[in-house]
């Protein structure tokens, strides 16, 4: 049962990331991470980016800018 929940969560994260990624405007300057929107939008880095973000959040080792 736990595996099913992890898969559902992962699918939700991927869908959320895809939605956010679709709103990126090309030709704009890079954000604080220094990555231009074209790289995020056009390169197949979704799984890598999600894994890095999830690890940072799970290990409570995230940039201060991520905190509300």
Foldseek 3Di string as FASTA:
>chain_A
DVVVVVVVVVVVLLVVLVVVLVPDDAPDADDPVRDGSCCVNPPPCSVVVVVVVVVCVVVVNDDPVPPD
